[in-house]
Each structure stands twice: as C-alpha cells, then as structure tokens.
Amino acid sequence: MRPDTRIATILHTSPLTGMRMDVAEIARTIRAVSPECMIIVDGIQHAPHGFLAVADYDVDAYIISPYKAYCRFLGVG
C-alpha cells in the first residue's frame, strides 16, 4: 500500500480456504495510507453464507453474484 494507490480490492471470503477477511479493518488501514483510494470488495463467496454490514465497511463498492444464492447468472454491485 502506498499513498498514491488509487484502487484496492479485498476478497471478503476465500473460495479456496473459506477464510474470512476483516473488511472494515482492512479498509481502515487502506484509508489511513491512501484516503482517496477506491476500495472494491469481492463478496461473491461471502454474501450467500455470511453476515453483511456493507454500510459499516467504508468501501466504495461491494460486489456480489446472486447466482451463488441459487438464482440466475448476473452480478450486482
């Protein structure tokens, strides 16, 4: 992470290990170094199985894919 970083992505839950990331804490750390950085969270694996508090994460986008919750193939941000 550098002060001139403009875009960062966070994987909320690993599709391989199931390990969950502390999105709010990671976002706070990113903002401390680069306040203008756009933060995008990949919540595709997490959203159908875990609790979401997107308003508490201080991120710019949280991306999910409803097909993971047994619906049609499409993405939502």
PDB file of N, CA and C in Angstrom:
ATOM      1  N   MET A   1       0.851  -1.169   0.000  1.00  0.00           N
ATOM      2  CA  MET A   1       0.000   0.000   0.000  1.00  0.00           C
ATOM      3  C   MET A   1       0.892   1.225   0.000  1.00  0.00           C
ATOM      4  N   ARG A   2       0.587   2.149  -0.905  1.00  0.00           N
ATOM      5  CA  ARG A   2       1.337   3.408  -0.991  1.00  0.00           C
ATOM      6  C   ARG A   2       0.344   4.555  -1.006  1.00  0.00           C
ATOM      7  N   PRO A   3       0.775   5.749  -0.636  1.00  0.00           N
ATOM      8  CA  PRO A   3      -0.137   6.908  -0.639  1.00  0.00           C
ATOM      9  C   PRO A   3      -0.752   7.206  -2.004  1.00  0.00           C
ATOM     10  N   ASP A   4      -0.088   6.799  -3.085  1.00  0.00           N
ATOM     11  CA  ASP A   4      -0.626   7.077  -4.426  1.00  0.00           C
ATOM     12  C   ASP A   4      -1.447   5.912  -4.989  1.00  0.00           C
ATOM     13  N   THR A   5      -1.733   4.908  -4.180  1.00  0.00           N
ATOM     14  CA  THR A   5      -2.586   3.799  -4.625  1.00  0.00           C
ATOM     15  C   THR A   5      -3.988   4.331  -4.875  1.00  0.00           C
ATOM     16  N   ARG A   6      -4.564   4.017  -6.019  1.00  0.00           N
ATOM     17  CA  ARG A   6      -5.869   4.566  -6.395  1.00  0.00           C
ATOM     18  C   ARG A   6      -7.000   3.548  -6.322  1.00  0.00           C
ATOM     19  N   ILE A   7      -6.702   2.261  -6.506  1.00  0.00           N
ATOM     20  CA  ILE A   7      -7.735   1.218  -6.449  1.00  0.00           C
ATOM     21  C   ILE A   7      -7.191   0.030  -5.664  1.00  0.00           C
ATOM     22  N   ALA A   8      -7.989  -0.468  -4.728  1.00  0.00           N
ATOM     23  CA  ALA A   8      -7.619  -1.664  -3.969  1.00  0.00           C
ATOM     24  C   ALA A   8      -8.824  -2.602  -3.955  1.00  0.00           C
ATOM     25  N   THR A   9      -8.552  -3.886  -3.992  1.00  0.00           N
ATOM     26  CA  THR A   9      -9.622  -4.878  -3.903  1.00  0.00           C
ATOM     27  C   THR A   9      -9.404  -5.742  -2.664  1.00  0.00           C
ATOM     28  N   ILE A  10     -10.502  -6.147  -2.067  1.00  0.00           N
ATOM     29  CA  ILE A  10     -10.465  -7.015  -0.900  1.00  0.00           C
ATOM     30  C   ILE A  10     -11.346  -8.217  -1.195  1.00  0.00           C
ATOM     31  N   LEU A  11     -10.829  -9.390  -0.987  1.00  0.00           N
ATOM     32  CA  LEU A  11     -11.599 -10.621  -1.110  1.00  0.00           C
ATOM     33  C   LEU A  11     -12.203 -10.901   0.262  1.00  0.00           C
ATOM     34  N   HIS A  12     -13.534 -10.841   0.381  1.00  0.00           N
ATOM     35  CA  HIS A  12     -14.167 -10.984   1.690  1.00  0.00           C
ATOM     36  C   HIS A  12     -13.993 -12.395   2.253  1.00  0.00           C
ATOM     37  N   THR A  13     -14.225 -13.417   1.449  1.00  0.00           N
ATOM     38  CA  THR A  13     -14.030 -14.812   1.876  1.00  0.00           C
ATOM     39  C   THR A  13     -13.352 -15.578   0.748  1.00  0.00           C
ATOM     40  N   SER A  14     -12.303 -16.298   1.078  1.00  0.00           N
ATOM     41  CA  SER A  14     -11.574 -17.067   0.079  1.00  0.00           C
ATOM     42  C   SER A  14     -12.417 -18.241  -0.416  1.00  0.00           C
ATOM     43  N   PRO A  15     -12.535 -18.410  -1.739  1.00  0.00           N
ATOM     44  CA  PRO A  15     -13.265 -19.560  -2.256  1.00  0.00           C
ATOM     45  C   PRO A  15     -12.492 -20.871  -2.064  1.00  0.00           C
ATOM     46  N   LEU A  16     -11.212 -20.789  -1.788  1.00  0.00           N
ATOM     47  CA  LEU A  16     -10.403 -21.998  -1.606  1.00  0.00           C
ATOM     48  C   LEU A  16     -10.341 -22.468  -0.161  1.00  0.00           C
ATOM     49  N   THR A  17     -10.155 -21.518   0.757  1.00  0.00           N
ATOM     50  CA  THR A  17      -9.974 -21.902   2.162  1.00  0.00           C
ATOM     51  C   THR A  17     -11.171 -21.594   3.038  1.00  0.00           C
ATOM     52  N   GLY A  18     -12.047 -20.705   2.593  1.00  0.00           N
ATOM     53  CA  GLY A  18     -13.171 -20.272   3.409  1.00  0.00           C
ATOM     54  C   GLY A  18     -12.782 -19.237   4.445  1.00  0.00           C
ATOM     55  N   MET A  19     -11.521 -18.818   4.438  1.00  0.00           N
ATOM     56  CA  MET A  19     -11.044 -17.821   5.394  1.00  0.00           C
ATOM     57  C   MET A  19     -11.683 -16.468   5.105  1.00  0.00           C
ATOM     58  N   ARG A  20     -12.227 -15.850   6.156  1.00  0.00           N
ATOM     59  CA  ARG A  20     -12.879 -14.542   6.016  1.00  0.00           C
ATOM     60  C   ARG A  20     -11.923 -13.424   6.407  1.00  0.00           C
ATOM     61  N   MET A  21     -12.009 -12.331   5.674  1.00  0.00           N
ATOM     62  CA  MET A  21     -11.185 -11.154   5.949  1.00  0.00           C
ATOM     63  C   MET A  21     -11.980 -10.147   6.776  1.00  0.00           C
ATOM     64  N   ASP A  22     -11.294  -9.395   7.613  1.00  0.00           N
ATOM     65  CA  ASP A  22     -11.911  -8.310   8.373  1.00  0.00           C
ATOM     66  C   ASP A  22     -11.940  -7.082   7.459  1.00  0.00           C
ATOM     67  N   VAL A  23     -12.990  -6.990   6.650  1.00  0.00           N
ATOM     68  CA  VAL A  23     -13.079  -5.964   5.622  1.00  0.00           C
ATOM     69  C   VAL A  23     -12.992  -4.558   6.216  1.00  0.00           C
ATOM     70  N   ALA A  24     -13.699  -4.305   7.299  1.00  0.00           N
ATOM     71  CA  ALA A  24     -13.687  -2.969   7.903  1.00  0.00           C
ATOM     72  C   ALA A  24     -12.279  -2.575   8.344  1.00  0.00           C
ATOM     73  N   GLU A  25     -11.554  -3.476   8.960  1.00  0.00           N
ATOM     74  CA  GLU A  25     -10.198  -3.178   9.426  1.00  0.00           C
ATOM     75  C   GLU A  25      -9.236  -2.982   8.253  1.00  0.00           C
ATOM     76  N   ILE A  26      -9.354  -3.814   7.231  1.00  0.00           N
ATOM     77  CA  ILE A  26      -8.505  -3.664   6.046  1.00  0.00           C
ATOM     78  C   ILE A  26      -8.793  -2.327   5.370  1.00  0.00           C
ATOM     79  N   ALA A  27     -10.078  -1.972   5.246  1.00  0.00           N
ATOM     80  CA  ALA A  27     -10.444  -0.689   4.630  1.00  0.00           C
ATOM     81  C   ALA A  27      -9.903   0.482   5.449  1.00  0.00           C
ATOM     82  N   ARG A  28      -9.970   0.401   6.783  1.00  0.00           N
ATOM     83  CA  ARG A  28      -9.412   1.466   7.637  1.00  0.00           C
ATOM     84  C   ARG A  28      -7.914   1.623   7.409  1.00  0.00           C
ATOM     85  N   THR A  29      -7.223   0.511   7.279  1.00  0.00           N
ATOM     86  CA  THR A  29      -5.778   0.551   7.043  1.00  0.00           C
ATOM     87  C   THR A  29      -5.468   1.178   5.687  1.00  0.00           C
ATOM     88  N   ILE A  30      -6.229   0.796   4.676  1.00  0.00           N
ATOM     89  CA  ILE A  30      -6.043   1.379   3.345  1.00  0.00           C
ATOM     90  C   ILE A  30      -6.287   2.881   3.388  1.00  0.00           C
ATOM     91  N   ARG A  31      -7.387   3.313   3.998  1.00  0.00           N
ATOM     92  CA  ARG A  31      -7.728   4.738   4.063  1.00  0.00           C
ATOM     93  C   ARG A  31      -6.691   5.541   4.856  1.00  0.00           C
ATOM     94  N   ALA A  32      -6.064   4.913   5.853  1.00  0.00           N
ATOM     95  CA  ALA A  32      -5.038   5.616   6.633  1.00  0.00           C
ATOM     96  C   ALA A  32      -3.826   5.962   5.769  1.00  0.00           C
ATOM     97  N   VAL A  33      -3.516   5.101   4.806  1.00  0.00           N
ATOM     98  CA  VAL A  33      -2.363   5.317   3.938  1.00  0.00           C
ATOM     99  C   VAL A  33      -2.746   6.115   2.694  1.00  0.00           C
ATOM    100  N   SER A  34      -3.898   5.802   2.112  1.00  0.00           N
ATOM    101  CA  SER A  34      -4.344   6.439   0.869  1.00  0.00           C
ATOM    102  C   SER A  34      -5.835   6.771   0.969  1.00  0.00           C
ATOM    103  N   PRO A  35      -6.165   7.924   1.560  1.00  0.00           N
ATOM    104  CA  PRO A  35      -7.570   8.268   1.820  1.00  0.00           C
ATOM    105  C   PRO A  35      -8.464   8.334   0.570  1.00  0.00           C
ATOM    106  N   GLU A  36      -7.888   8.624  -0.575  1.00  0.00           N
ATOM    107  CA  GLU A  36      -8.670   8.758  -1.805  1.00  0.00           C
ATOM    108  C   GLU A  36      -8.784   7.444  -2.585  1.00  0.00           C
ATOM    109  N   CYS A  37      -8.197   6.385  -2.083  1.00  0.00           N
ATOM    110  CA  CYS A  37      -8.205   5.095  -2.773  1.00  0.00           C
ATOM    111  C   CYS A  37      -9.632   4.558  -2.911  1.00  0.00           C
ATOM    112  N   MET A  38      -9.968   4.058  -4.095  1.00  0.00           N
ATOM    113  CA  MET A  38     -11.247   3.397  -4.296  1.00  0.00           C
ATOM    114  C   MET A  38     -11.099   1.952  -3.834  1.00  0.00           C
ATOM    115  N   ILE A  39     -11.993   1.519  -2.940  1.00  0.00           N
ATOM    116  CA  ILE A  39     -11.929   0.169  -2.391  1.00  0.00           C
ATOM    117  C   ILE A  39     -13.122  -0.634  -2.897  1.00  0.00           C
ATOM    118  N   ILE A  40     -12.820  -1.754  -3.540  1.00  0.00           N
ATOM    119  CA  ILE A  40     -13.837  -2.639  -4.084  1.00  0.00           C
ATOM    120  C   ILE A  40     -13.711  -3.989  -3.387  1.00  0.00           C
ATOM    121  N   VAL A  41     -14.828  -4.488  -2.861  1.00  0.00           N
ATOM    122  CA  VAL A  41     -14.820  -5.770  -2.157  1.00  0.00           C
ATOM    123  C   VAL A  41     -15.498  -6.828  -3.024  1.00  0.00           C
ATOM    124  N   ASP A  42     -14.821  -7.963  -3.160  1.00  0.00           N
ATOM    125  CA  ASP A  42     -15.391  -9.120  -3.832  1.00  0.00           C
ATOM    126  C   ASP A  42     -16.102  -9.941  -2.765  1.00  0.00           C
ATOM    127  N   GLY A  43     -17.430  -9.841  -2.740  1.00  0.00           N
ATOM    128  CA  GLY A  43     -18.223 -10.559  -1.749  1.00  0.00           C
ATOM    129  C   GLY A  43     -18.969 -11.748  -2.313  1.00  0.00           C
ATOM    130  N   ILE A  44     -18.555 -12.189  -3.500  1.00  0.00           N
ATOM    131  CA  ILE A  44     -19.283 -13.256  -4.189  1.00  0.00           C
ATOM    132  C   ILE A  44     -19.350 -14.533  -3.353  1.00  0.00           C
ATOM    133  N   GLN A  45     -18.258 -14.916  -2.698  1.00  0.00           N
ATOM    134  CA  GLN A  45     -18.262 -16.135  -1.891  1.00  0.00           C
ATOM    135  C   GLN A  45     -18.894 -15.913  -0.520  1.00  0.00           C
ATOM    136  N   HIS A  46     -18.776 -14.695  -0.001  1.00  0.00           N
ATOM    137  CA  HIS A  46     -19.227 -14.423   1.367  1.00  0.00           C
ATOM    138  C   HIS A  46     -20.733 -14.156   1.468  1.00  0.00           C
ATOM    139  N   ALA A  47     -21.272 -13.379   0.554  1.00  0.00           N
ATOM    140  CA  ALA A  47     -22.650 -12.875   0.674  1.00  0.00           C
ATOM    141  C   ALA A  47     -23.705 -13.950   0.910  1.00  0.00           C
ATOM    142  N   PRO A  48     -23.683 -15.096   0.212  1.00  0.00           N
ATOM    143  CA  PRO A  48     -24.739 -16.070   0.442  1.00  0.00           C
ATOM    144  C   PRO A  48     -24.608 -16.858   1.750  1.00  0.00           C
ATOM    145  N   HIS A  49     -23.466 -16.723   2.430  1.00  0.00           N
ATOM    146  CA  HIS A  49     -23.225 -17.559   3.610  1.00  0.00           C
ATOM    147  C   HIS A  49     -22.924 -16.783   4.885  1.00  0.00           C
ATOM    148  N   GLY A  50     -22.591 -15.498   4.767  1.00  0.00           N
ATOM    149  CA  GLY A  50     -22.154 -14.757   5.934  1.00  0.00           C
ATOM    150  C   GLY A  50     -22.943 -13.488   6.164  1.00  0.00           C
ATOM    151  N   PHE A  51     -22.754 -12.910   7.334  1.00  0.00           N
ATOM    152  CA  PHE A  51     -23.406 -11.660   7.695  1.00  0.00           C
ATOM    153  C   PHE A  51     -22.786 -10.514   6.899  1.00  0.00           C
ATOM    154  N   LEU A  52     -23.625  -9.593   6.427  1.00  0.00           N
ATOM    155  CA  LEU A  52     -23.146  -8.418   5.696  1.00  0.00           C
ATOM    156  C   LEU A  52     -23.515  -7.143   6.453  1.00  0.00           C
ATOM    157  N   ALA A  53     -22.562  -6.244   6.559  1.00  0.00           N
ATOM    158  CA  ALA A  53     -22.786  -4.924   7.142  1.00  0.00           C
ATOM    159  C   ALA A  53     -22.067  -3.914   6.250  1.00  0.00           C
ATOM    160  N   VAL A  54     -22.448  -3.882   4.984  1.00  0.00           N
ATOM    161  CA  VAL A  54     -21.739  -3.104   3.976  1.00  0.00           C
ATOM    162  C   VAL A  54     -21.603  -1.639   4.373  1.00  0.00           C
ATOM    163  N   ALA A  55     -22.610  -1.060   4.982  1.00  0.00           N
ATOM    164  CA  ALA A  55     -22.543   0.347   5.385  1.00  0.00           C
ATOM    165  C   ALA A  55     -21.448   0.588   6.426  1.00  0.00           C
ATOM    166  N   ASP A  56     -21.066  -0.441   7.159  1.00  0.00           N
ATOM    167  CA  ASP A  56     -20.033  -0.312   8.193  1.00  0.00           C
ATOM    168  C   ASP A  56     -18.614  -0.504   7.662  1.00  0.00           C
ATOM    169  N   TYR A  57     -18.462  -0.934   6.420  1.00  0.00           N
ATOM    170  CA  TYR A  57     -17.143  -1.274   5.900  1.00  0.00           C
ATOM    171  C   TYR A  57     -16.358  -0.077   5.372  1.00  0.00           C
ATOM    172  N   ASP A  58     -17.011   1.036   5.054  1.00  0.00           N
ATOM    173  CA  ASP A  58     -16.362   2.217   4.461  1.00  0.00           C
ATOM    174  C   ASP A  58     -15.615   1.848   3.178  1.00  0.00           C
ATOM    175  N   VAL A  59     -16.348   1.173   2.283  1.00  0.00           N
ATOM    176  CA  VAL A  59     -15.796   0.820   0.978  1.00  0.00           C
ATOM    177  C   VAL A  59     -16.648   1.483  -0.105  1.00  0.00           C
ATOM    178  N   ASP A  60     -16.111   1.523  -1.311  1.00  0.00           N
ATOM    179  CA  ASP A  60     -16.815   2.183  -2.412  1.00  0.00           C
ATOM    180  C   ASP A  60     -17.742   1.249  -3.178  1.00  0.00           C
ATOM    181  N   ALA A  61     -17.440  -0.022  -3.180  1.00  0.00           N
ATOM    182  CA  ALA A  61     -18.293  -0.989  -3.883  1.00  0.00           C
ATOM    183  C   ALA A  61     -18.164  -2.348  -3.224  1.00  0.00           C
ATOM    184  N   TYR A  62     -19.298  -3.058  -3.148  1.00  0.00           N
ATOM    185  CA  TYR A  62     -19.333  -4.423  -2.639  1.00  0.00           C
ATOM    186  C   TYR A  62     -20.029  -5.241  -3.709  1.00  0.00           C
ATOM    187  N   ILE A  63     -19.298  -6.137  -4.329  1.00  0.00           N
ATOM    188  CA  ILE A  63     -19.808  -6.869  -5.479  1.00  0.00           C
ATOM    189  C   ILE A  63     -20.254  -8.271  -5.057  1.00  0.00           C
ATOM    190  N   ILE A  64     -21.462  -8.641  -5.491  1.00  0.00           N
ATOM    191  CA  ILE A  64     -21.974  -9.986  -5.240  1.00  0.00           C
ATOM    192  C   ILE A  64     -22.484 -10.579  -6.549  1.00  0.00           C
ATOM    193  N   SER A  65     -22.766 -11.841  -6.531  1.00  0.00           N
ATOM    194  CA  SER A  65     -23.342 -12.513  -7.683  1.00  0.00           C
ATOM    195  C   SER A  65     -24.500 -13.372  -7.188  1.00  0.00           C
ATOM    196  N   PRO A  66     -25.720 -12.965  -7.476  1.00  0.00           N
ATOM    197  CA  PRO A  66     -26.877 -13.687  -6.945  1.00  0.00           C
ATOM    198  C   PRO A  66     -26.956 -15.161  -7.322  1.00  0.00           C
ATOM    199  N   TYR A  67     -26.279 -15.585  -8.385  1.00  0.00           N
ATOM    200  CA  TYR A  67     -26.372 -16.999  -8.740  1.00  0.00           C
ATOM    201  C   TYR A  67     -25.808 -17.885  -7.636  1.00  0.00           C
ATOM    202  N   LYS A  68     -24.958 -17.337  -6.780  1.00  0.00           N
ATOM    203  CA  LYS A  68     -24.428 -18.109  -5.660  1.00  0.00           C
ATOM    204  C   LYS A  68     -25.535 -18.428  -4.649  1.00  0.00           C
ATOM    205  N   ALA A  69     -26.633 -17.686  -4.723  1.00  0.00           N
ATOM    206  CA  ALA A  69     -27.771 -17.942  -3.838  1.00  0.00           C
ATOM    207  C   ALA A  69     -28.900 -18.596  -4.635  1.00  0.00           C
ATOM    208  N   TYR A  70     -28.513 -19.396  -5.633  1.00  0.00           N
ATOM    209  CA  TYR A  70     -29.450 -20.199  -6.422  1.00  0.00           C
ATOM    210  C   TYR A  70     -30.424 -19.376  -7.260  1.00  0.00           C
ATOM    211  N   CYS A  71     -29.914 -18.362  -7.927  1.00  0.00           N
ATOM    212  CA  CYS A  71     -30.747 -17.642  -8.889  1.00  0.00           C
ATOM    213  C   CYS A  71     -30.023 -17.534 -10.223  1.00  0.00           C
ATOM    214  N   ARG A  72     -30.528 -16.703 -11.076  1.00  0.00           N
ATOM    215  CA  ARG A  72     -29.981 -16.548 -12.416  1.00  0.00           C
ATOM    216  C   ARG A  72     -28.568 -15.982 -12.376  1.00  0.00           C
ATOM    217  N   PHE A  73     -27.804 -16.241 -13.432  1.00  0.00           N
ATOM    218  CA  PHE A  73     -26.451 -15.710 -13.557  1.00  0.00           C
ATOM    219  C   PHE A  73     -26.493 -14.215 -13.851  1.00  0.00           C
ATOM    220  N   LEU A  74     -26.088 -13.419 -12.894  1.00  0.00           N
ATOM    221  CA  LEU A  74     -25.926 -11.992 -13.084  1.00  0.00           C
ATOM    222  C   LEU A  74     -25.134 -11.448 -11.904  1.00  0.00           C
ATOM    223  N   GLY A  75     -24.604 -10.253 -12.044  1.00  0.00           N
ATOM    224  CA  GLY A  75     -23.814  -9.649 -10.986  1.00  0.00           C
ATOM    225  C   GLY A  75     -24.487  -8.371 -10.491  1.00  0.00           C
ATOM    226  N   VAL A  76     -24.242  -8.022  -9.246  1.00  0.00           N
ATOM    227  CA  VAL A  76     -24.817  -6.822  -8.657  1.00  0.00           C
ATOM    228  C   VAL A  76     -23.737  -6.121  -7.858  1.00  0.00           C
ATOM    229  N   GLY A  77     -23.670  -4.819  -7.961  1.00  0.00           N
ATOM    230  CA  GLY A  77     -22.695  -4.047  -7.178  1.00  0.00           C
ATOM    231  C   GLY A  77     -23.380  -3.033  -6.310  1.00  0.00           C
TER     232      GLY A  77
END
